Amino acid sequence: MPNKITHLLHSWEKAGGAADKDRWRIVPTCIWWTIWKERNSRCFESKNCDLQMIKLNSIRLFCFWCKKIYLRGH
């Protein structure tokens, strides 16, 4: 496991094949965005999701963003 965030991001750059490079590149961002949204819901709206829902939200966001990538023609 990388000990610095920059090392973690660099390791994601190497994941997958050339055809999947764009998709692999957005995985950390999907996870972080989902966690950030959950944090805001908990802090400002007193709402929270269980861990399974947080994971599902991250996967949904990933699929949505991947769809946008393919619609643009990448």
PDB file of N, CA and C in Angstrom:
ATOM      1  N   MET A   1       0.837  -1.173   0.000  1.00  0.00           N
ATOM      2  CA  MET A   1       0.000   0.000   0.000  1.00  0.00           C
ATOM      3  C   MET A   1       0.889   1.246   0.000  1.00  0.00           C
ATOM      4  N   PRO A   2       0.638   2.169  -0.904  1.00  0.00           N
ATOM      5  CA  PRO A   2       1.437   3.392  -0.944  1.00  0.00           C
ATOM      6  C   PRO A   2       1.312   4.184   0.359  1.00  0.00           C
ATOM      7  N   ASN A   3       2.412   4.820   0.761  1.00  0.00           N
ATOM      8  CA  ASN A   3       2.396   5.579   2.015  1.00  0.00           C
ATOM      9  C   ASN A   3       2.117   7.069   1.813  1.00  0.00           C
ATOM     10  N   LYS A   4       2.019   7.522   0.578  1.00  0.00           N
ATOM     11  CA  LYS A   4       1.687   8.918   0.277  1.00  0.00           C
ATOM     12  C   LYS A   4       0.586   8.950  -0.775  1.00  0.00           C
ATOM     13  N   ILE A   5      -0.233   9.983  -0.721  1.00  0.00           N
ATOM     14  CA  ILE A   5      -1.337  10.107  -1.663  1.00  0.00           C
ATOM     15  C   ILE A   5      -0.831  10.214  -3.094  1.00  0.00           C
ATOM     16  N   THR A   6       0.296  10.877  -3.284  1.00  0.00           N
ATOM     17  CA  THR A   6       0.849  10.999  -4.642  1.00  0.00           C
ATOM     18  C   THR A   6       1.279   9.646  -5.179  1.00  0.00           C
ATOM     19  N   HIS A   7       1.799   8.791  -4.307  1.00  0.00           N
ATOM     20  CA  HIS A   7       2.171   7.435  -4.742  1.00  0.00           C
ATOM     21  C   HIS A   7       0.929   6.615  -5.098  1.00  0.00           C
ATOM     22  N   LEU A   8      -0.124   6.799  -4.315  1.00  0.00           N
ATOM     23  CA  LEU A   8      -1.378   6.099  -4.598  1.00  0.00           C
ATOM     24  C   LEU A   8      -1.916   6.497  -5.974  1.00  0.00           C
ATOM     25  N   LEU A   9      -1.955   7.796  -6.233  1.00  0.00           N
ATOM     26  CA  LEU A   9      -2.460   8.262  -7.520  1.00  0.00           C
ATOM     27  C   LEU A   9      -1.581   7.771  -8.670  1.00  0.00           C
ATOM     28  N   HIS A  10      -0.288   7.757  -8.456  1.00  0.00           N
ATOM     29  CA  HIS A  10       0.626   7.273  -9.491  1.00  0.00           C
ATOM     30  C   HIS A  10       0.388   5.787  -9.771  1.00  0.00           C
ATOM     31  N   SER A  11       0.090   5.001  -8.728  1.00  0.00           N
ATOM     32  CA  SER A  11      -0.167   3.575  -8.931  1.00  0.00           C
ATOM     33  C   SER A  11      -1.446   3.352  -9.740  1.00  0.00           C
ATOM     34  N   TRP A  12      -2.444   4.240  -9.608  1.00  0.00           N
ATOM     35  CA  TRP A  12      -3.666   4.126 -10.398  1.00  0.00           C
ATOM     36  C   TRP A  12      -3.384   4.381 -11.869  1.00  0.00           C
ATOM     37  N   GLU A  13      -2.388   5.210 -12.172  1.00  0.00           N
ATOM     38  CA  GLU A  13      -2.032   5.502 -13.560  1.00  0.00           C
ATOM     39  C   GLU A  13      -1.564   4.243 -14.279  1.00  0.00           C
ATOM     40  N   LYS A  14      -0.983   3.310 -13.519  1.00  0.00           N
ATOM     41  CA  LYS A  14      -0.429   2.087 -14.108  1.00  0.00           C
ATOM     42  C   LYS A  14      -1.464   0.968 -14.217  1.00  0.00           C
ATOM     43  N   ALA A  15      -2.617   1.132 -13.603  1.00  0.00           N
ATOM     44  CA  ALA A  15      -3.635   0.076 -13.576  1.00  0.00           C
ATOM     45  C   ALA A  15      -4.336  -0.041 -14.923  1.00  0.00           C
ATOM     46  N   GLY A  16      -4.757  -1.244 -15.237  1.00  0.00           N
ATOM     47  CA  GLY A  16      -5.543  -1.477 -16.452  1.00  0.00           C
ATOM     48  C   GLY A  16      -4.726  -1.357 -17.722  1.00  0.00           C
ATOM     49  N   GLY A  17      -5.382  -1.612 -18.836  1.00  0.00           N
ATOM     50  CA  GLY A  17      -4.741  -1.506 -20.131  1.00  0.00           C
ATOM     51  C   GLY A  17      -4.930  -0.128 -20.737  1.00  0.00           C
ATOM     52  N   ALA A  18      -4.361   0.053 -21.907  1.00  0.00           N
ATOM     53  CA  ALA A  18      -4.434   1.352 -22.580  1.00  0.00           C
ATOM     54  C   ALA A  18      -5.877   1.750 -22.879  1.00  0.00           C
ATOM     55  N   ALA A  19      -6.704   0.774 -23.246  1.00  0.00           N
ATOM     56  CA  ALA A  19      -8.103   1.059 -23.589  1.00  0.00           C
ATOM     57  C   ALA A  19      -8.898   1.531 -22.366  1.00  0.00           C
ATOM     58  N   ASP A  20      -8.497   1.099 -21.183  1.00  0.00           N
ATOM     59  CA  ASP A  20      -9.217   1.433 -19.952  1.00  0.00           C
ATOM     60  C   ASP A  20      -8.576   2.571 -19.176  1.00  0.00           C
ATOM     61  N   LYS A  21      -7.579   3.210 -19.729  1.00  0.00           N
ATOM     62  CA  LYS A  21      -6.813   4.220 -18.996  1.00  0.00           C
ATOM     63  C   LYS A  21      -7.690   5.351 -18.452  1.00  0.00           C
ATOM     64  N   ASP A  22      -8.609   5.867 -19.261  1.00  0.00           N
ATOM     65  CA  ASP A  22      -9.484   6.950 -18.805  1.00  0.00           C
ATOM     66  C   ASP A  22     -10.360   6.507 -17.638  1.00  0.00           C
ATOM     67  N   ARG A  23     -10.860   5.288 -17.714  1.00  0.00           N
ATOM     68  CA  ARG A  23     -11.711   4.796 -16.629  1.00  0.00           C
ATOM     69  C   ARG A  23     -10.928   4.620 -15.338  1.00  0.00           C
ATOM     70  N   TRP A  24      -9.751   4.016 -15.417  1.00  0.00           N
ATOM     71  CA  TRP A  24      -8.943   3.804 -14.217  1.00  0.00           C
ATOM     72  C   TRP A  24      -8.548   5.125 -13.580  1.00  0.00           C
ATOM     73  N   ARG A  25      -8.340   6.127 -14.400  1.00  0.00           N
ATOM     74  CA  ARG A  25      -7.897   7.427 -13.915  1.00  0.00           C
ATOM     75  C   ARG A  25      -8.951   8.105 -13.023  1.00  0.00           C
ATOM     76  N   ILE A  26     -10.234   7.824 -13.258  1.00  0.00           N
ATOM     77  CA  ILE A  26     -11.282   8.501 -12.486  1.00  0.00           C
ATOM     78  C   ILE A  26     -11.732   7.741 -11.243  1.00  0.00           C
ATOM     79  N   VAL A  27     -11.248   6.513 -11.037  1.00  0.00           N
ATOM     80  CA  VAL A  27     -11.674   5.731  -9.873  1.00  0.00           C
ATOM     81  C   VAL A  27     -11.388   6.453  -8.553  1.00  0.00           C
ATOM     82  N   PRO A  28     -10.159   6.925  -8.304  1.00  0.00           N
ATOM     83  CA  PRO A  28      -9.938   7.617  -7.020  1.00  0.00           C
ATOM     84  C   PRO A  28     -10.827   8.844  -6.845  1.00  0.00           C
ATOM     85  N   THR A  29     -11.039   9.586  -7.916  1.00  0.00           N
ATOM     86  CA  THR A  29     -11.881  10.778  -7.831  1.00  0.00           C
ATOM     87  C   THR A  29     -13.319  10.410  -7.489  1.00  0.00           C
ATOM     88  N   CYS A  30     -13.825   9.343  -8.067  1.00  0.00           N
ATOM     89  CA  CYS A  30     -15.184   8.882  -7.738  1.00  0.00           C
ATOM     90  C   CYS A  30     -15.299   8.538  -6.253  1.00  0.00           C
ATOM     91  N   ILE A  31     -14.315   7.832  -5.753  1.00  0.00           N
ATOM     92  CA  ILE A  31     -14.333   7.434  -4.341  1.00  0.00           C
ATOM     93  C   ILE A  31     -14.270   8.668  -3.450  1.00  0.00           C
ATOM     94  N   TRP A  32     -13.337   9.562  -3.733  1.00  0.00           N
ATOM     95  CA  TRP A  32     -13.183  10.755  -2.893  1.00  0.00           C
ATOM     96  C   TRP A  32     -14.401  11.654  -2.972  1.00  0.00           C
ATOM     97  N   TRP A  33     -14.969  11.810  -4.155  1.00  0.00           N
ATOM     98  CA  TRP A  33     -16.155  12.660  -4.296  1.00  0.00           C
ATOM     99  C   TRP A  33     -17.326  12.085  -3.500  1.00  0.00           C
ATOM    100  N   THR A  34     -17.495  10.778  -3.560  1.00  0.00           N
ATOM    101  CA  THR A  34     -18.581  10.125  -2.826  1.00  0.00           C
ATOM    102  C   THR A  34     -18.399  10.305  -1.322  1.00  0.00           C
ATOM    103  N   ILE A  35     -17.176  10.133  -0.857  1.00  0.00           N
ATOM    104  CA  ILE A  35     -16.899  10.321   0.569  1.00  0.00           C
ATOM    105  C   ILE A  35     -17.120  11.769   0.978  1.00  0.00           C
ATOM    106  N   TRP A  36     -16.708  12.701   0.142  1.00  0.00           N
ATOM    107  CA  TRP A  36     -16.909  14.129   0.434  1.00  0.00           C
ATOM    108  C   TRP A  36     -18.404  14.464   0.525  1.00  0.00           C
ATOM    109  N   LYS A  37     -19.187  13.941  -0.413  1.00  0.00           N
ATOM    110  CA  LYS A  37     -20.635  14.183  -0.387  1.00  0.00           C
ATOM    111  C   LYS A  37     -21.261  13.579   0.873  1.00  0.00           C
ATOM    112  N   GLU A  38     -20.816  12.390   1.243  1.00  0.00           N
ATOM    113  CA  GLU A  38     -21.328  11.755   2.453  1.00  0.00           C
ATOM    114  C   GLU A  38     -20.953  12.577   3.689  1.00  0.00           C
ATOM    115  N   ARG A  39     -19.742  13.050   3.731  1.00  0.00           N
ATOM    116  CA  ARG A  39     -19.297  13.905   4.832  1.00  0.00           C
ATOM    117  C   ARG A  39     -20.172  15.141   4.951  1.00  0.00           C
ATOM    118  N   ASN A  40     -20.448  15.779   3.821  1.00  0.00           N
ATOM    119  CA  ASN A  40     -21.300  16.973   3.842  1.00  0.00           C
ATOM    120  C   ASN A  40     -22.715  16.647   4.300  1.00  0.00           C
ATOM    121  N   SER A  41     -23.246  15.524   3.863  1.00  0.00           N
ATOM    122  CA  SER A  41     -24.587  15.123   4.309  1.00  0.00           C
ATOM    123  C   SER A  41     -24.626  14.924   5.819  1.00  0.00           C
ATOM    124  N   ARG A  42     -23.586  14.309   6.344  1.00  0.00           N
ATOM    125  CA  ARG A  42     -23.542  14.067   7.787  1.00  0.00           C
ATOM    126  C   ARG A  42     -23.356  15.360   8.571  1.00  0.00           C
ATOM    127  N   CYS A  43     -22.492  16.236   8.084  1.00  0.00           N
ATOM    128  CA  CYS A  43     -22.176  17.471   8.821  1.00  0.00           C
ATOM    129  C   CYS A  43     -23.279  18.520   8.730  1.00  0.00           C
ATOM    130  N   PHE A  44     -23.864  18.663   7.564  1.00  0.00           N
ATOM    131  CA  PHE A  44     -24.754  19.793   7.334  1.00  0.00           C
ATOM    132  C   PHE A  44     -26.238  19.437   7.263  1.00  0.00           C
ATOM    133  N   GLU A  45     -26.532  18.173   7.023  1.00  0.00           N
ATOM    134  CA  GLU A  45     -27.930  17.784   6.897  1.00  0.00           C
ATOM    135  C   GLU A  45     -28.352  16.733   7.912  1.00  0.00           C
ATOM    136  N   SER A  46     -27.429  16.289   8.735  1.00  0.00           N
ATOM    137  CA  SER A  46     -27.683  15.235   9.736  1.00  0.00           C
ATOM    138  C   SER A  46     -28.245  13.972   9.094  1.00  0.00           C
ATOM    139  N   LYS A  47     -27.769  13.664   7.894  1.00  0.00           N
ATOM    140  CA  LYS A  47     -28.169  12.446   7.183  1.00  0.00           C
ATOM    141  C   LYS A  47     -26.927  11.583   7.006  1.00  0.00           C
ATOM    142  N   ASN A  48     -27.131  10.282   6.996  1.00  0.00           N
ATOM    143  CA  ASN A  48     -26.011   9.411   6.703  1.00  0.00           C
ATOM    144  C   ASN A  48     -26.469   8.124   6.030  1.00  0.00           C
ATOM    145  N   CYS A  49     -25.574   7.563   5.235  1.00  0.00           N
ATOM    146  CA  CYS A  49     -25.815   6.294   4.555  1.00  0.00           C
ATOM    147  C   CYS A  49     -24.942   5.233   5.210  1.00  0.00           C
ATOM    148  N   ASP A  50     -25.371   3.982   5.100  1.00  0.00           N
ATOM    149  CA  ASP A  50     -24.514   2.912   5.585  1.00  0.00           C
ATOM    150  C   ASP A  50     -23.390   2.659   4.562  1.00  0.00           C
ATOM    151  N   LEU A  51     -22.411   1.883   4.952  1.00  0.00           N
ATOM    152  CA  LEU A  51     -21.227   1.658   4.127  1.00  0.00           C
ATOM    153  C   LEU A  51     -21.578   1.069   2.760  1.00  0.00           C
ATOM    154  N   GLN A  52     -22.517   0.149   2.725  1.00  0.00           N
ATOM    155  CA  GLN A  52     -22.895  -0.465   1.447  1.00  0.00           C
ATOM    156  C   GLN A  52     -23.476   0.576   0.482  1.00  0.00           C
ATOM    157  N   MET A  53     -24.264   1.484   0.981  1.00  0.00           N
ATOM    158  CA  MET A  53     -24.851   2.520   0.138  1.00  0.00           C
ATOM    159  C   MET A  53     -23.768   3.485  -0.353  1.00  0.00           C
ATOM    160  N   ILE A  54     -22.810   3.786   0.490  1.00  0.00           N
ATOM    161  CA  ILE A  54     -21.703   4.652   0.075  1.00  0.00           C
ATOM    162  C   ILE A  54     -20.927   3.996  -1.066  1.00  0.00           C
ATOM    163  N   LYS A  55     -20.661   2.712  -0.940  1.00  0.00           N
ATOM    164  CA  LYS A  55     -19.970   1.979  -2.011  1.00  0.00           C
ATOM    165  C   LYS A  55     -20.801   1.992  -3.293  1.00  0.00           C
ATOM    166  N   LEU A  56     -22.090   1.742  -3.159  1.00  0.00           N
ATOM    167  CA  LEU A  56     -22.970   1.737  -4.315  1.00  0.00           C
ATOM    168  C   LEU A  56     -23.017   3.115  -4.980  1.00  0.00           C
ATOM    169  N   ASN A  57     -23.064   4.159  -4.185  1.00  0.00           N
ATOM    170  CA  ASN A  57     -23.059   5.520  -4.735  1.00  0.00           C
ATOM    171  C   ASN A  57     -21.776   5.795  -5.511  1.00  0.00           C
ATOM    172  N   SER A  58     -20.664   5.302  -5.009  1.00  0.00           N
ATOM    173  CA  SER A  58     -19.395   5.475  -5.705  1.00  0.00           C
ATOM    174  C   SER A  58     -19.396   4.729  -7.043  1.00  0.00           C
ATOM    175  N   ILE A  59     -19.921   3.535  -7.057  1.00  0.00           N
ATOM    176  CA  ILE A  59     -20.006   2.759  -8.305  1.00  0.00           C
ATOM    177  C   ILE A  59     -20.949   3.425  -9.290  1.00  0.00           C
ATOM    178  N   ARG A  60     -22.073   3.914  -8.803  1.00  0.00           N
ATOM    179  CA  ARG A  60     -23.014   4.631  -9.682  1.00  0.00           C
ATOM    180  C   ARG A  60     -22.367   5.862 -10.305  1.00  0.00           C
ATOM    181  N   LEU A  61     -21.645   6.614  -9.499  1.00  0.00           N
ATOM    182  CA  LEU A  61     -20.958   7.792 -10.006  1.00  0.00           C
ATOM    183  C   LEU A  61     -19.921   7.403 -11.051  1.00  0.00           C
ATOM    184  N   PHE A  62     -19.180   6.347 -10.782  1.00  0.00           N
ATOM    185  CA  PHE A  62     -18.187   5.847 -11.738  1.00  0.00           C
ATOM    186  C   PHE A  62     -18.852   5.496 -13.069  1.00  0.00           C
ATOM    187  N   CYS A  63     -19.948   4.766 -13.019  1.00  0.00           N
ATOM    188  CA  CYS A  63     -20.661   4.391 -14.250  1.00  0.00           C
ATOM    189  C   CYS A  63     -21.173   5.617 -14.993  1.00  0.00           C
ATOM    190  N   PHE A  64     -21.701   6.577 -14.260  1.00  0.00           N
ATOM    191  CA  PHE A  64     -22.191   7.811 -14.869  1.00  0.00           C
ATOM    192  C   PHE A  64     -21.060   8.555 -15.561  1.00  0.00           C
ATOM    193  N   TRP A  65     -19.935   8.720 -14.873  1.00  0.00           N
ATOM    194  CA  TRP A  65     -18.811   9.437 -15.462  1.00  0.00           C
ATOM    195  C   TRP A  65     -18.229   8.678 -16.654  1.00  0.00           C
ATOM    196  N   CYS A  66     -18.188   7.345 -16.575  1.00  0.00           N
ATOM    197  CA  CYS A  66     -17.683   6.552 -17.711  1.00  0.00           C
ATOM    198  C   CYS A  66     -18.588   6.736 -18.922  1.00  0.00           C
ATOM    199  N   LYS A  67     -19.882   6.785 -18.695  1.00  0.00           N
ATOM    200  CA  LYS A  67     -20.826   7.016 -19.788  1.00  0.00           C
ATOM    201  C   LYS A  67     -20.534   8.354 -20.457  1.00  0.00           C
ATOM    202  N   LYS A  68     -20.242   9.372 -19.660  1.00  0.00           N
ATOM    203  CA  LYS A  68     -19.913  10.689 -20.201  1.00  0.00           C
ATOM    204  C   LYS A  68     -18.629  10.640 -21.025  1.00  0.00           C
ATOM    205  N   ILE A  69     -17.657   9.868 -20.580  1.00  0.00           N
ATOM    206  CA  ILE A  69     -16.399   9.730 -21.320  1.00  0.00           C
ATOM    207  C   ILE A  69     -16.680   9.139 -22.700  1.00  0.00           C
ATOM    208  N   TYR A  70     -17.498   8.081 -22.740  1.00  0.00           N
ATOM    209  CA  TYR A  70     -17.769   7.423 -24.019  1.00  0.00           C
ATOM    210  C   TYR A  70     -18.640   8.277 -24.936  1.00  0.00           C
ATOM    211  N   LEU A  71     -19.522   9.076 -24.367  1.00  0.00           N
ATOM    212  CA  LEU A  71     -20.348   9.951 -25.192  1.00  0.00           C
ATOM    213  C   LEU A  71     -19.515  11.036 -25.866  1.00  0.00           C
ATOM    214  N   ARG A  72     -18.433  11.441 -25.196  1.00  0.00           N
ATOM    215  CA  ARG A  72     -17.532  12.456 -25.787  1.00  0.00           C
ATOM    216  C   ARG A  72     -16.628  11.853 -26.837  1.00  0.00           C
ATOM    217  N   GLY A  73     -16.533  10.519 -26.894  1.00  0.00           N
ATOM    218  CA  GLY A  73     -15.745   9.879 -27.935  1.00  0.00           C
ATOM    219  C   GLY A  73     -14.333   9.509 -27.550  1.00  0.00           C
ATOM    220  N   HIS A  74     -14.008   9.483 -26.265  1.00  0.00           N
ATOM    221  CA  HIS A  74     -12.680   9.079 -25.832  1.00  0.00           C
ATOM    222  C   HIS A  74     -12.557   7.582 -25.829  1.00  0.00           C
TER     223      HIS A  74
END
